[in-house]
Protein backbone atom coordinates (compact mmCIF):
# COMPACT_ATOMS: atom_id res chain seq x y z
CA UNK A 1 -42.20 -84.43 -88.62
CA UNK A 2 -38.79 -85.02 -90.17
CA UNK A 3 -38.92 -88.75 -89.52
CA UNK A 4 -41.25 -90.37 -92.06
CA UNK A 5 -41.63 -93.46 -89.90
CA UNK A 6 -43.26 -91.51 -87.08
CA UNK A 7 -45.64 -89.81 -89.51
CA UNK A 8 -46.59 -93.13 -91.10
CA UNK A 9 -47.10 -94.67 -87.67
CA UNK A 10 -49.47 -91.86 -86.63
CA UNK A 11 -51.59 -92.40 -89.75
CA UNK A 12 -51.45 -96.19 -89.52
CA UNK A 13 -52.36 -96.19 -85.83
CA UNK A 14 -55.39 -94.00 -86.42
CA UNK A 15 -56.67 -96.34 -89.13
CA UNK A 16 -56.02 -99.59 -87.26
CA UNK A 17 -57.63 -98.17 -84.10
CA UNK A 18 -60.93 -97.94 -86.01
CA UNK A 19 -61.15 -94.22 -85.24
CA UNK A 20 -60.60 -93.14 -88.84
CA UNK A 21 -63.46 -91.77 -90.91
CA UNK A 22 -64.14 -94.32 -93.64
CA UNK A 23 -64.97 -93.17 -97.16
CA UNK A 24 -68.56 -94.08 -98.03
CA UNK A 25 -69.36 -96.23 -101.03
CA UNK A 26 -72.15 -94.45 -102.91
CA UNK A 27 -75.49 -96.19 -102.34
CA UNK A 28 -76.73 -95.75 -105.92
CA UNK A 29 -73.47 -97.04 -107.38
CA UNK A 30 -73.61 -100.04 -105.04
CA UNK A 31 -77.19 -100.87 -106.07
CA UNK A 32 -76.34 -100.52 -109.77
CA UNK A 33 -73.33 -102.84 -109.35
CA UNK A 34 -75.48 -105.38 -107.49
CA UNK A 35 -78.00 -105.36 -110.33
CA UNK A 36 -75.27 -105.67 -112.98
CA UNK A 37 -73.87 -108.73 -111.19
CA UNK A 38 -77.13 -110.65 -111.67
CA UNK A 39 -77.49 -113.17 -114.51
CA UNK A 40 -80.36 -111.11 -115.93
CA UNK A 41 -80.01 -107.46 -114.83
CA UNK A 42 -83.22 -105.42 -114.73
CA UNK A 43 -82.45 -102.51 -117.06
CA UNK A 44 -85.52 -100.57 -115.95
CA UNK A 45 -84.38 -100.79 -112.31
CA UNK A 46 -80.92 -99.52 -113.29
CA UNK A 47 -82.49 -96.65 -115.20
CA UNK A 48 -84.74 -95.77 -112.24
CA UNK A 49 -81.82 -95.84 -109.81
CA UNK A 50 -79.91 -93.34 -111.92
CA UNK A 51 -82.76 -90.95 -112.74
CA UNK A 52 -83.74 -90.74 -109.06
CA UNK A 53 -80.60 -88.59 -108.62
CA UNK A 54 -80.72 -85.46 -110.79
CA UNK A 55 -77.04 -84.60 -110.36
CA UNK A 56 -76.01 -88.15 -111.23
CA UNK A 57 -78.31 -88.18 -114.27
CA UNK A 58 -76.74 -84.95 -115.56
CA UNK A 59 -73.22 -86.34 -115.18
CA UNK A 60 -74.13 -89.68 -116.81
CA UNK A 61 -75.48 -87.78 -119.81
CA UNK A 62 -72.39 -85.54 -119.90
CA UNK A 63 -70.08 -88.55 -120.02
CA UNK A 64 -72.32 -90.37 -122.51
CA UNK A 65 -72.06 -87.40 -124.88
CA UNK A 66 -68.32 -86.93 -124.43
CA UNK A 67 -65.82 -87.35 -127.25
CA UNK A 68 -64.70 -90.63 -125.67
CA UNK A 69 -67.93 -92.34 -126.75
CA UNK A 70 -68.09 -90.53 -130.12
CA UNK A 71 -71.84 -90.86 -130.57
CA UNK A 72 -73.37 -89.46 -133.75
CA UNK A 73 -76.60 -88.44 -132.03
CA UNK A 74 -76.78 -86.71 -128.68
CA UNK A 75 -77.91 -88.87 -125.77
CA UNK A 76 -80.86 -87.09 -124.16
CA UNK A 77 -82.02 -89.64 -121.57
CA UNK A 78 -80.54 -92.35 -119.36
CA UNK A 79 -82.54 -94.90 -121.36
CA UNK A 80 -80.89 -93.65 -124.56
CA UNK A 81 -77.51 -93.99 -122.89
CA UNK A 82 -78.23 -97.60 -121.90
CA UNK A 83 -79.42 -98.44 -125.42
CA UNK A 84 -76.44 -96.82 -127.14
CA UNK A 85 -73.63 -97.73 -124.76
CA UNK A 86 -74.92 -100.85 -123.04
CA UNK A 87 -75.68 -101.37 -119.39
CA UNK A 88 -72.07 -102.20 -118.45
CA UNK A 89 -70.73 -98.95 -119.90
CA UNK A 90 -73.44 -96.92 -118.18
CA UNK A 91 -72.62 -98.72 -114.94
CA UNK A 92 -68.96 -97.74 -115.40
CA UNK A 93 -70.01 -94.11 -115.89
CA UNK A 94 -72.10 -94.23 -112.71
CA UNK A 95 -69.11 -95.59 -110.80
CA UNK A 96 -66.85 -92.93 -112.32
CA UNK A 97 -69.17 -90.06 -111.43
CA UNK A 98 -69.91 -91.20 -107.88
CA UNK A 99 -66.30 -92.13 -107.05
CA UNK A 100 -64.99 -88.80 -108.39
CA UNK A 101 -66.91 -86.94 -105.70
CA UNK A 102 -64.64 -88.46 -103.02
CA UNK A 103 -61.50 -86.76 -104.36
CA UNK A 104 -61.89 -83.38 -102.67
CA UNK A 105 -60.22 -81.53 -99.84
CA UNK A 106 -60.71 -77.97 -98.61
CA UNK A 107 -56.93 -77.70 -98.33
CA UNK A 108 -55.63 -76.57 -101.76
CA UNK A 109 -52.44 -78.61 -101.52
CA UNK A 110 -54.11 -81.88 -100.60
CA UNK A 111 -56.89 -81.20 -103.11
CA UNK A 112 -54.21 -80.94 -105.80
CA UNK A 113 -52.83 -84.31 -104.74
CA UNK A 114 -56.33 -85.82 -104.80
CA UNK A 115 -56.95 -84.40 -108.30
CA UNK A 116 -53.83 -86.13 -109.60
CA UNK A 117 -54.83 -89.32 -107.80
CA UNK A 118 -58.24 -89.16 -109.49
CA UNK A 119 -56.67 -88.74 -112.95
CA UNK A 120 -54.60 -91.85 -112.25
CA UNK A 121 -57.61 -93.85 -111.07
CA UNK A 122 -59.65 -92.94 -114.14
CA UNK A 123 -56.71 -93.46 -116.51
CA UNK A 124 -56.02 -96.91 -115.06
CA UNK A 125 -59.70 -97.85 -115.35
CA UNK A 126 -59.93 -96.73 -118.98
CA UNK A 127 -56.64 -98.42 -119.92
CA UNK A 128 -57.57 -101.71 -118.20
CA UNK A 129 -60.93 -101.67 -119.99
CA UNK A 130 -59.18 -100.99 -123.32
CA UNK A 131 -56.70 -103.82 -122.71
CA UNK A 132 -59.54 -106.29 -122.20
CA UNK A 133 -61.09 -105.31 -125.51
CA UNK A 134 -57.74 -105.41 -127.30
CA UNK A 135 -56.74 -108.79 -125.84
CA UNK A 136 -60.09 -110.49 -126.38
CA UNK A 137 -60.94 -110.49 -122.67
CA UNK A 138 -64.38 -108.99 -123.26
CA UNK A 139 -65.94 -111.01 -120.45
CA UNK A 140 -63.97 -109.12 -117.78
CA UNK A 141 -63.88 -105.66 -119.39
CA UNK A 142 -66.47 -104.23 -116.99
CA UNK A 143 -64.69 -105.79 -114.01
CA UNK A 144 -61.34 -104.42 -115.20
CA UNK A 145 -62.74 -100.89 -115.35
CA UNK A 146 -64.15 -101.25 -111.82
CA UNK A 147 -60.92 -102.77 -110.45
CA UNK A 148 -58.80 -100.14 -112.16
CA UNK A 149 -60.88 -97.29 -110.80
CA UNK A 150 -60.53 -98.62 -107.22
CA UNK A 151 -57.04 -100.12 -107.26
CA UNK A 152 -55.52 -97.14 -105.40
CA UNK A 153 -58.50 -96.39 -103.16
CA UNK A 154 -56.19 -96.93 -100.20
CA UNK A 155 -54.30 -93.76 -101.18
CA UNK A 156 -57.54 -91.78 -101.10
CA UNK A 157 -58.24 -93.27 -97.67
CA UNK A 158 -54.80 -92.23 -96.41
CA UNK A 159 -55.31 -88.67 -97.67
CA UNK A 160 -58.72 -88.47 -95.98
CA UNK A 161 -57.18 -89.64 -92.70
CA UNK A 162 -54.42 -87.02 -93.01
CA UNK A 163 -57.07 -84.38 -93.74
CA UNK A 164 -58.88 -85.36 -90.53
CA UNK A 165 -55.63 -85.30 -88.54
CA UNK A 166 -54.87 -81.80 -89.80
CA UNK A 167 -58.37 -80.51 -88.98
CA UNK A 168 -58.20 -81.93 -85.45
CA UNK A 169 -54.79 -80.37 -84.80
CA UNK A 170 -53.06 -83.70 -84.24
CA UNK A 171 -50.66 -82.88 -87.07
CA UNK A 172 -49.48 -79.33 -86.37
CA UNK A 173 -47.31 -79.17 -89.52
CA UNK A 174 -48.46 -79.75 -93.08
CA UNK A 175 -46.79 -82.95 -94.35
CA UNK A 176 -44.51 -82.46 -97.33
CA UNK A 177 -45.08 -84.08 -100.71
CA UNK A 178 -42.41 -86.68 -99.94
CA UNK A 179 -44.05 -87.59 -96.61
CA UNK A 180 -47.47 -87.89 -98.23
CA UNK A 181 -46.06 -90.07 -101.00
CA UNK A 182 -44.20 -92.29 -98.54
CA UNK A 183 -47.27 -92.75 -96.35
CA UNK A 184 -49.49 -93.58 -99.31
CA UNK A 185 -46.95 -95.93 -100.90
CA UNK A 186 -46.35 -97.75 -97.63
CA UNK A 187 -49.95 -98.09 -96.44
CA UNK A 188 -52.34 -98.00 -99.39
CA UNK A 189 -52.42 -101.64 -100.49
CA UNK A 190 -53.24 -103.16 -97.11
CA UNK A 191 -55.68 -100.48 -96.05
CA UNK A 192 -57.21 -100.38 -99.53
CA UNK A 193 -57.95 -104.10 -99.23
CA UNK A 194 -59.49 -103.63 -95.78
CA UNK A 195 -61.63 -100.70 -96.98
CA UNK A 196 -63.00 -102.66 -99.93
CA UNK A 197 -63.87 -105.58 -97.67
CA UNK A 198 -65.64 -103.08 -95.39
CA UNK A 199 -67.65 -102.02 -98.45
CA UNK A 200 -68.56 -105.70 -99.02
CA UNK A 201 -67.08 -105.62 -102.51
CA UNK A 202 -66.13 -108.97 -104.12
CA UNK A 203 -62.78 -110.44 -103.13
CA UNK A 204 -61.43 -110.17 -106.70
CA UNK A 205 -61.50 -106.35 -106.51
CA UNK A 206 -60.08 -106.20 -103.00
CA UNK A 207 -57.28 -108.56 -104.03
CA UNK A 208 -56.30 -106.32 -106.96
CA UNK A 209 -56.04 -103.41 -104.53
CA UNK A 210 -53.84 -105.47 -102.20
CA UNK A 211 -51.55 -107.12 -104.74
CA UNK A 212 -51.15 -104.71 -107.66
CA UNK A 213 -47.62 -103.81 -106.53
CA UNK A 214 -46.57 -107.39 -105.76
CA UNK A 215 -43.17 -108.11 -107.27
CA UNK A 216 -44.37 -111.04 -109.37
CA UNK A 217 -47.81 -110.94 -111.00
CA UNK A 218 -50.28 -113.81 -110.86
CA UNK A 219 -50.03 -114.89 -114.48
CA UNK A 220 -53.40 -116.64 -114.38
CA UNK A 221 -55.29 -113.61 -113.03
CA UNK A 222 -56.13 -111.54 -116.11
CA UNK A 223 -58.07 -108.99 -114.09
CA UNK A 224 -54.92 -108.27 -112.11
CA UNK A 225 -52.68 -108.34 -115.19
CA UNK A 226 -54.72 -105.74 -117.06
CA UNK A 227 -54.89 -103.40 -114.05
CA UNK A 228 -51.16 -103.78 -113.34
CA UNK A 229 -50.20 -102.96 -116.94
CA UNK A 230 -52.68 -100.07 -117.04
CA UNK A 231 -51.24 -98.75 -113.77
CA UNK A 232 -47.67 -98.93 -115.09
CA UNK A 233 -48.69 -97.23 -118.33
CA UNK A 234 -50.28 -94.32 -116.48
CA UNK A 235 -47.21 -93.97 -114.27
CA UNK A 236 -44.94 -93.96 -117.30
CA UNK A 237 -47.03 -91.22 -118.91
CA UNK A 238 -47.18 -89.11 -115.75
CA UNK A 239 -50.93 -89.57 -115.33
CA UNK A 240 -51.14 -89.27 -111.58
CA UNK A 241 -48.71 -88.50 -108.78
CA UNK A 242 -45.51 -89.64 -110.41
CA UNK A 243 -43.86 -90.09 -113.77
CA UNK A 244 -41.75 -93.20 -114.37
CA UNK A 245 -40.71 -92.24 -117.89
CA UNK A 246 -37.84 -94.75 -117.87
CA UNK A 247 -40.26 -97.69 -117.63
CA UNK A 248 -40.05 -100.01 -120.64
CA UNK A 249 -43.58 -101.35 -120.86
CA UNK A 250 -42.68 -103.97 -123.45
CA UNK A 251 -40.25 -105.55 -120.96
CA UNK A 252 -42.84 -105.93 -118.20
CA UNK A 253 -44.15 -109.41 -117.34
CA UNK A 254 -47.71 -108.09 -117.73
CA UNK A 255 -47.12 -107.01 -121.33
CA UNK A 256 -45.52 -110.38 -122.03
CA UNK A 257 -48.41 -112.36 -120.52
CA UNK A 258 -50.96 -110.29 -122.45
CA UNK A 259 -48.93 -110.70 -125.69
CA UNK A 260 -48.67 -106.96 -126.24
CA UNK A 261 -46.46 -105.57 -129.00
CA UNK A 262 -44.74 -102.20 -129.10
CA UNK A 263 -47.42 -100.99 -131.52
CA UNK A 264 -50.18 -102.19 -129.17
CA UNK A 265 -48.65 -100.30 -126.26
CA UNK A 266 -48.27 -97.15 -128.36
CA UNK A 267 -51.97 -97.37 -129.29
CA UNK A 268 -52.90 -97.62 -125.62
CA UNK A 269 -50.85 -94.52 -124.79
CA UNK A 270 -52.49 -92.56 -127.61
CA UNK A 271 -55.91 -93.67 -126.39
CA UNK A 272 -55.07 -92.47 -122.88
CA UNK A 273 -53.89 -89.09 -124.16
CA UNK A 274 -57.19 -88.70 -126.03
CA UNK A 275 -59.34 -89.55 -123.01
CA UNK A 276 -57.56 -87.62 -120.25
CA UNK A 277 -59.97 -84.71 -120.71
CA UNK A 278 -62.57 -86.83 -118.92
CA UNK A 279 -60.53 -86.62 -115.74
CA UNK A 280 -60.07 -82.87 -115.61
CA UNK A 281 -63.51 -81.98 -114.21
CA UNK A 282 -62.75 -82.40 -110.51
C-alpha cells in the first residue's frame, strides 16, 4: 500500500471494469430538474414532486427558513417557498438536500473526508451562484449552482468505491489521507464526467466536471469560469479537503475574465463565511 500508483490502479480498474457501485441520482431531484429545464415549468408539478417526500419537504422548508435566505416571514409550505424564493432557488435546495445524502460512510475516517467534500461542493455551488448574480450572468445562475454542486462528484464516486473495496476485504489496510487525496485528484475528473453521462445529465455539467482543473480555462464558457473561480476561492479559504491560502485570486485568469476586483473577491469570501453553516448538517 506504500506505492500510490498501485492503489490508484486498483481503484481505477474496479471502476473501468463496470463492477463499481454507481451513486444513484435522486429520482425526485431528476424530475424537478427536468421540469425546470422546460420553457414553461409546471410549478404545481414541482410542488407535488417535493411534497410527496416528507423528509425532503422538511429539509426544503429548513433551508428556505435559514439565515441565508433572510426571509421576514417563516415559510410554512413548499408553495410558500416557491412564491418567496422562486422555482429555481427551490430546485437548488432540492438538489442540495438530495445530493447531501450521498456523503456518508460508516467508517468514521472516510465519513470525515466526505463531510469536508460536501462542504466544498456546497460552498462552490453557492459561490458560483453568487458570482453569476454579481457579474450580471443571471441567466446561468441556476446552472452555475447545479454545476458547482456536482463539479467534484468524481471524488465522491472514488470514496464510495474505496468504501466498497474496504468492506469486501480487497483493501486490507486503510488508505492514508495522502493516498486518498492522490487517488481522488488523479481520477475524479474523468470518472466524474463518465458518472454524469451515466446519469444522463446535460453535457455542459459533465464538461465542467471534466475540465475544471484544466490548465487554461475556456474564456467563452462562463458556466465553467464561475465554477472554477468558486472552486479556487473555497480551496483558498480551506472549505473542503485542502487549504491553498497562498492563492492570489485576483491574479487568476477566471477573476480577470469575470472582471472581478479585490473588493468583489473579498465580498465573495465574506458571503461564503456567512453561509457555511448550511453545510454543517451532514
